[in-house]
Amino acid sequence: MGVFRTMAEPKVRILADVSVETRDKLQEVVQALGITKKDFFDKVIEEHHKKCVRNEE
């Protein structure tokens, strides 16, 4: 029997490049919304993709 490995999707480390103040603000926002940072980024990226790439409002 062989061992099968699935390749994990690489993670993007956006927060490594932001200031401490921005990181703190992000934490406050996600706590206020009651969502995870991942969910926040997914939502914001989807909204901007819809507006800027697909030209939908």
PDB file of N, CA and C in Angstrom:
ATOM      1  N   MET A   1       0.829  -1.187   0.000  1.00  0.00           N
ATOM      2  CA  MET A   1       0.000   0.000   0.000  1.00  0.00           C
ATOM      3  C   MET A   1       0.873   1.250   0.000  1.00  0.00           C
ATOM      4  N   GLY A   2       0.494   2.201  -0.804  1.00  0.00           N
ATOM      5  CA  GLY A   2       1.239   3.458  -0.851  1.00  0.00           C
ATOM      6  C   GLY A   2       0.600   4.508   0.038  1.00  0.00           C
ATOM      7  N   VAL A   3       1.381   5.474   0.351  1.00  0.00           N
ATOM      8  CA  VAL A   3       0.867   6.597   1.142  1.00  0.00           C
ATOM      9  C   VAL A   3       0.525   7.725   0.177  1.00  0.00           C
ATOM     10  N   PHE A   4      -0.689   8.205   0.285  1.00  0.00           N
ATOM     11  CA  PHE A   4      -1.124   9.293  -0.583  1.00  0.00           C
ATOM     12  C   PHE A   4      -1.158  10.587   0.214  1.00  0.00           C
ATOM     13  N   ARG A   5      -0.558  11.598  -0.354  1.00  0.00           N
ATOM     14  CA  ARG A   5      -0.583  12.908   0.291  1.00  0.00           C
ATOM     15  C   ARG A   5      -1.355  13.863  -0.592  1.00  0.00           C
ATOM     16  N   THR A   6      -2.236  14.583   0.031  1.00  0.00           N
ATOM     17  CA  THR A   6      -2.924  15.623  -0.726  1.00  0.00           C
ATOM     18  C   THR A   6      -2.170  16.916  -0.491  1.00  0.00           C
ATOM     19  N   MET A   7      -2.038  17.681  -1.524  1.00  0.00           N
ATOM     20  CA  MET A   7      -1.312  18.945  -1.384  1.00  0.00           C
ATOM     21  C   MET A   7      -2.233  19.966  -0.748  1.00  0.00           C
ATOM     22  N   ALA A   8      -1.794  20.532   0.321  1.00  0.00           N
ATOM     23  CA  ALA A   8      -2.574  21.563   0.994  1.00  0.00           C
ATOM     24  C   ALA A   8      -2.451  22.866   0.216  1.00  0.00           C
ATOM     25  N   GLU A   9      -3.512  23.613   0.255  1.00  0.00           N
ATOM     26  CA  GLU A   9      -3.491  24.916  -0.396  1.00  0.00           C
ATOM     27  C   GLU A   9      -2.545  25.828   0.387  1.00  0.00           C
ATOM     28  N   PRO A  10      -1.643  26.505  -0.298  1.00  0.00           N
ATOM     29  CA  PRO A  10      -0.711  27.373   0.427  1.00  0.00           C
ATOM     30  C   PRO A  10      -1.442  28.529   1.098  1.00  0.00           C
ATOM     31  N   LYS A  11      -0.954  28.909   2.244  1.00  0.00           N
ATOM     32  CA  LYS A  11      -1.566  30.021   2.975  1.00  0.00           C
ATOM     33  C   LYS A  11      -0.850  31.312   2.631  1.00  0.00           C
ATOM     34  N   VAL A  12      -1.619  32.353   2.521  1.00  0.00           N
ATOM     35  CA  VAL A  12      -1.069  33.672   2.251  1.00  0.00           C
ATOM     36  C   VAL A  12      -0.933  34.386   3.587  1.00  0.00           C
ATOM     37  N   ARG A  13       0.222  34.894   3.864  1.00  0.00           N
ATOM     38  CA  ARG A  13       0.496  35.552   5.144  1.00  0.00           C
ATOM     39  C   ARG A  13       0.417  37.065   4.990  1.00  0.00           C
ATOM     40  N   ILE A  14      -0.776  37.568   4.786  1.00  0.00           N
ATOM     41  CA  ILE A  14      -0.988  38.995   4.571  1.00  0.00           C
ATOM     42  C   ILE A  14      -0.565  39.800   5.799  1.00  0.00           C
ATOM     43  N   LEU A  15      -0.905  39.316   6.964  1.00  0.00           N
ATOM     44  CA  LEU A  15      -0.671  40.104   8.175  1.00  0.00           C
ATOM     45  C   LEU A  15       0.801  40.266   8.515  1.00  0.00           C
ATOM     46  N   ALA A  16       1.663  39.510   7.894  1.00  0.00           N
ATOM     47  CA  ALA A  16       3.095  39.664   8.150  1.00  0.00           C
ATOM     48  C   ALA A  16       3.600  41.004   7.646  1.00  0.00           C
ATOM     49  N   ASP A  17       2.896  41.603   6.702  1.00  0.00           N
ATOM     50  CA  ASP A  17       3.344  42.850   6.080  1.00  0.00           C
ATOM     51  C   ASP A  17       2.611  44.098   6.562  1.00  0.00           C
ATOM     52  N   VAL A  18       1.713  43.965   7.530  1.00  0.00           N
ATOM     53  CA  VAL A  18       0.966  45.135   7.987  1.00  0.00           C
ATOM     54  C   VAL A  18       1.484  45.623   9.331  1.00  0.00           C
ATOM     55  N   SER A  19       1.159  46.853   9.633  1.00  0.00           N
ATOM     56  CA  SER A  19       1.598  47.431  10.908  1.00  0.00           C
ATOM     57  C   SER A  19       0.834  46.800  12.073  1.00  0.00           C
ATOM     58  N   VAL A  20       1.381  46.959  13.250  1.00  0.00           N
ATOM     59  CA  VAL A  20       0.740  46.453  14.466  1.00  0.00           C
ATOM     60  C   VAL A  20      -0.619  47.129  14.653  1.00  0.00           C
ATOM     61  N   GLU A  21      -0.693  48.400  14.332  1.00  0.00           N
ATOM     62  CA  GLU A  21      -1.949  49.137  14.471  1.00  0.00           C
ATOM     63  C   GLU A  21      -3.027  48.548  13.575  1.00  0.00           C
ATOM     64  N   THR A  22      -2.652  48.214  12.343  1.00  0.00           N
ATOM     65  CA  THR A  22      -3.619  47.622  11.414  1.00  0.00           C
ATOM     66  C   THR A  22      -4.059  46.253  11.903  1.00  0.00           C
ATOM     67  N   ARG A  23      -3.128  45.473  12.404  1.00  0.00           N
ATOM     68  CA  ARG A  23      -3.462  44.156  12.952  1.00  0.00           C
ATOM     69  C   ARG A  23      -4.440  44.283  14.113  1.00  0.00           C
ATOM     70  N   ASP A  24      -4.191  45.265  14.982  1.00  0.00           N
ATOM     71  CA  ASP A  24      -5.079  45.483  16.128  1.00  0.00           C
ATOM     72  C   ASP A  24      -6.476  45.906  15.679  1.00  0.00           C
ATOM     73  N   LYS A  25      -6.530  46.773  14.666  1.00  0.00           N
ATOM     74  CA  LYS A  25      -7.828  47.211  14.138  1.00  0.00           C
ATOM     75  C   LYS A  25      -8.588  46.036  13.529  1.00  0.00           C
ATOM     76  N   LEU A  26      -7.879  45.189  12.799  1.00  0.00           N
ATOM     77  CA  LEU A  26      -8.509  44.004  12.219  1.00  0.00           C
ATOM     78  C   LEU A  26      -9.100  43.132  13.314  1.00  0.00           C
ATOM     79  N   GLN A  27      -8.352  42.930  14.374  1.00  0.00           N
ATOM     80  CA  GLN A  27      -8.840  42.103  15.483  1.00  0.00           C
ATOM     81  C   GLN A  27     -10.110  42.708  16.083  1.00  0.00           C
ATOM     82  N   GLU A  28     -10.133  44.018  16.243  1.00  0.00           N
ATOM     83  CA  GLU A  28     -11.322  44.687  16.782  1.00  0.00           C
ATOM     84  C   GLU A  28     -12.521  44.525  15.852  1.00  0.00           C
ATOM     85  N   VAL A  29     -12.281  44.630  14.545  1.00  0.00           N
ATOM     86  CA  VAL A  29     -13.366  44.506  13.564  1.00  0.00           C
ATOM     87  C   VAL A  29     -13.954  43.102  13.573  1.00  0.00           C
ATOM     88  N   VAL A  30     -13.099  42.082  13.519  1.00  0.00           N
ATOM     89  CA  VAL A  30     -13.633  40.721  13.480  1.00  0.00           C
ATOM     90  C   VAL A  30     -14.335  40.353  14.784  1.00  0.00           C
ATOM     91  N   GLN A  31     -13.853  40.877  15.903  1.00  0.00           N
ATOM     92  CA  GLN A  31     -14.545  40.633  17.167  1.00  0.00           C
ATOM     93  C   GLN A  31     -15.910  41.295  17.166  1.00  0.00           C
ATOM     94  N   ALA A  32     -15.987  42.525  16.659  1.00  0.00           N
ATOM     95  CA  ALA A  32     -17.262  43.242  16.605  1.00  0.00           C
ATOM     96  C   ALA A  32     -18.256  42.537  15.679  1.00  0.00           C
ATOM     97  N   LEU A  33     -17.748  41.972  14.579  1.00  0.00           N
ATOM     98  CA  LEU A  33     -18.612  41.270  13.627  1.00  0.00           C
ATOM     99  C   LEU A  33     -18.909  39.841  14.052  1.00  0.00           C
ATOM    100  N   GLY A  34     -18.092  39.302  14.955  1.00  0.00           N
ATOM    101  CA  GLY A  34     -18.281  37.921  15.404  1.00  0.00           C
ATOM    102  C   GLY A  34     -17.910  36.905  14.335  1.00  0.00           C
ATOM    103  N   ILE A  35     -16.883  37.228  13.531  1.00  0.00           N
ATOM    104  CA  ILE A  35     -16.426  36.327  12.468  1.00  0.00           C
ATOM    105  C   ILE A  35     -14.921  36.114  12.595  1.00  0.00           C
ATOM    106  N   THR A  36     -14.396  35.191  11.804  1.00  0.00           N
ATOM    107  CA  THR A  36     -12.961  34.947  11.813  1.00  0.00           C
ATOM    108  C   THR A  36     -12.266  35.884  10.834  1.00  0.00           C
ATOM    109  N   LYS A  37     -10.963  36.000  10.969  1.00  0.00           N
ATOM    110  CA  LYS A  37     -10.183  36.811  10.024  1.00  0.00           C
ATOM    111  C   LYS A  37     -10.317  36.250   8.621  1.00  0.00           C
ATOM    112  N   LYS A  38     -10.301  34.937   8.494  1.00  0.00           N
ATOM    113  CA  LYS A  38     -10.454  34.303   7.189  1.00  0.00           C
ATOM    114  C   LYS A  38     -11.790  34.687   6.566  1.00  0.00           C
ATOM    115  N   ASP A  39     -12.856  34.603   7.355  1.00  0.00           N
ATOM    116  CA  ASP A  39     -14.178  34.972   6.835  1.00  0.00           C
ATOM    117  C   ASP A  39     -14.216  36.439   6.419  1.00  0.00           C
ATOM    118  N   PHE A  40     -13.571  37.288   7.199  1.00  0.00           N
ATOM    119  CA  PHE A  40     -13.517  38.710   6.869  1.00  0.00           C
ATOM    120  C   PHE A  40     -12.816  38.923   5.529  1.00  0.00           C
ATOM    121  N   PHE A  41     -11.641  38.327   5.356  1.00  0.00           N
ATOM    122  CA  PHE A  41     -10.906  38.478   4.100  1.00  0.00           C
ATOM    123  C   PHE A  41     -11.682  37.889   2.930  1.00  0.00           C
ATOM    124  N   ASP A  42     -12.292  36.724   3.126  1.00  0.00           N
ATOM    125  CA  ASP A  42     -13.093  36.119   2.060  1.00  0.00           C
ATOM    126  C   ASP A  42     -14.211  37.073   1.621  1.00  0.00           C
ATOM    127  N   LYS A  43     -14.885  37.670   2.601  1.00  0.00           N
ATOM    128  CA  LYS A  43     -16.001  38.576   2.300  1.00  0.00           C
ATOM    129  C   LYS A  43     -15.522  39.830   1.571  1.00  0.00           C
ATOM    130  N   VAL A  44     -14.472  40.455   2.073  1.00  0.00           N
ATOM    131  CA  VAL A  44     -13.964  41.688   1.466  1.00  0.00           C
ATOM    132  C   VAL A  44     -13.442  41.429   0.058  1.00  0.00           C
ATOM    133  N   ILE A  45     -12.711  40.339  -0.124  1.00  0.00           N
ATOM    134  CA  ILE A  45     -12.174  40.019  -1.450  1.00  0.00           C
ATOM    135  C   ILE A  45     -13.312  39.726  -2.421  1.00  0.00           C
ATOM    136  N   GLU A  46     -14.316  38.993  -1.991  1.00  0.00           N
ATOM    137  CA  GLU A  46     -15.452  38.697  -2.859  1.00  0.00           C
ATOM    138  C   GLU A  46     -16.170  39.994  -3.268  1.00  0.00           C
ATOM    139  N   GLU A  47     -16.382  40.893  -2.318  1.00  0.00           N
ATOM    140  CA  GLU A  47     -17.045  42.166  -2.620  1.00  0.00           C
ATOM    141  C   GLU A  47     -16.254  42.976  -3.642  1.00  0.00           C
ATOM    142  N   HIS A  48     -14.953  43.052  -3.462  1.00  0.00           N
ATOM    143  CA  HIS A  48     -14.120  43.819  -4.388  1.00  0.00           C
ATOM    144  C   HIS A  48     -13.983  43.125  -5.749  1.00  0.00           C
ATOM    145  N   HIS A  49     -13.936  41.811  -5.754  1.00  0.00           N
ATOM    146  CA  HIS A  49     -13.877  41.079  -7.016  1.00  0.00           C
ATOM    147  C   HIS A  49     -15.161  41.330  -7.813  1.00  0.00           C
ATOM    148  N   LYS A  50     -16.276  41.281  -7.117  1.00  0.00           N
ATOM    149  CA  LYS A  50     -17.573  41.526  -7.756  1.00  0.00           C
ATOM    150  C   LYS A  50     -17.621  42.927  -8.368  1.00  0.00           C
ATOM    151  N   LYS A  51     -17.140  43.906  -7.622  1.00  0.00           N
ATOM    152  CA  LYS A  51     -17.189  45.303  -8.066  1.00  0.00           C
ATOM    153  C   LYS A  51     -16.135  45.617  -9.132  1.00  0.00           C
ATOM    154  N   CYS A  52     -14.901  45.212  -8.902  1.00  0.00           N
ATOM    155  CA  CYS A  52     -13.781  45.640  -9.758  1.00  0.00           C
ATOM    156  C   CYS A  52     -13.509  44.721 -10.942  1.00  0.00           C
ATOM    157  N   VAL A  53     -13.770  43.434 -10.798  1.00  0.00           N
ATOM    158  CA  VAL A  53     -13.444  42.493 -11.866  1.00  0.00           C
ATOM    159  C   VAL A  53     -14.674  42.155 -12.703  1.00  0.00           C
ATOM    160  N   ARG A  54     -15.772  41.845 -12.009  1.00  0.00           N
ATOM    161  CA  ARG A  54     -16.989  41.444 -12.734  1.00  0.00           C
ATOM    162  C   ARG A  54     -17.878  42.629 -13.072  1.00  0.00           C
ATOM    163  N   ASN A  55     -17.503  43.829 -12.594  1.00  0.00           N
ATOM    164  CA  ASN A  55     -18.265  45.066 -12.844  1.00  0.00           C
ATOM    165  C   ASN A  55     -19.722  44.963 -12.428  1.00  0.00           C
ATOM    166  N   GLU A  56     -19.937  44.367 -11.265  1.00  0.00           N
ATOM    167  CA  GLU A  56     -21.278  44.248 -10.682  1.00  0.00           C
ATOM    168  C   GLU A  56     -21.338  45.139  -9.455  1.00  0.00           C
ATOM    169  N   GLU A  57     -22.492  45.654  -9.157  1.00  0.00           N
ATOM    170  CA  GLU A  57     -22.648  46.456  -7.935  1.00  0.00           C
ATOM    171  C   GLU A  57     -23.598  45.819  -7.013  1.00  0.00           C
TER     172      GLU A  57
END
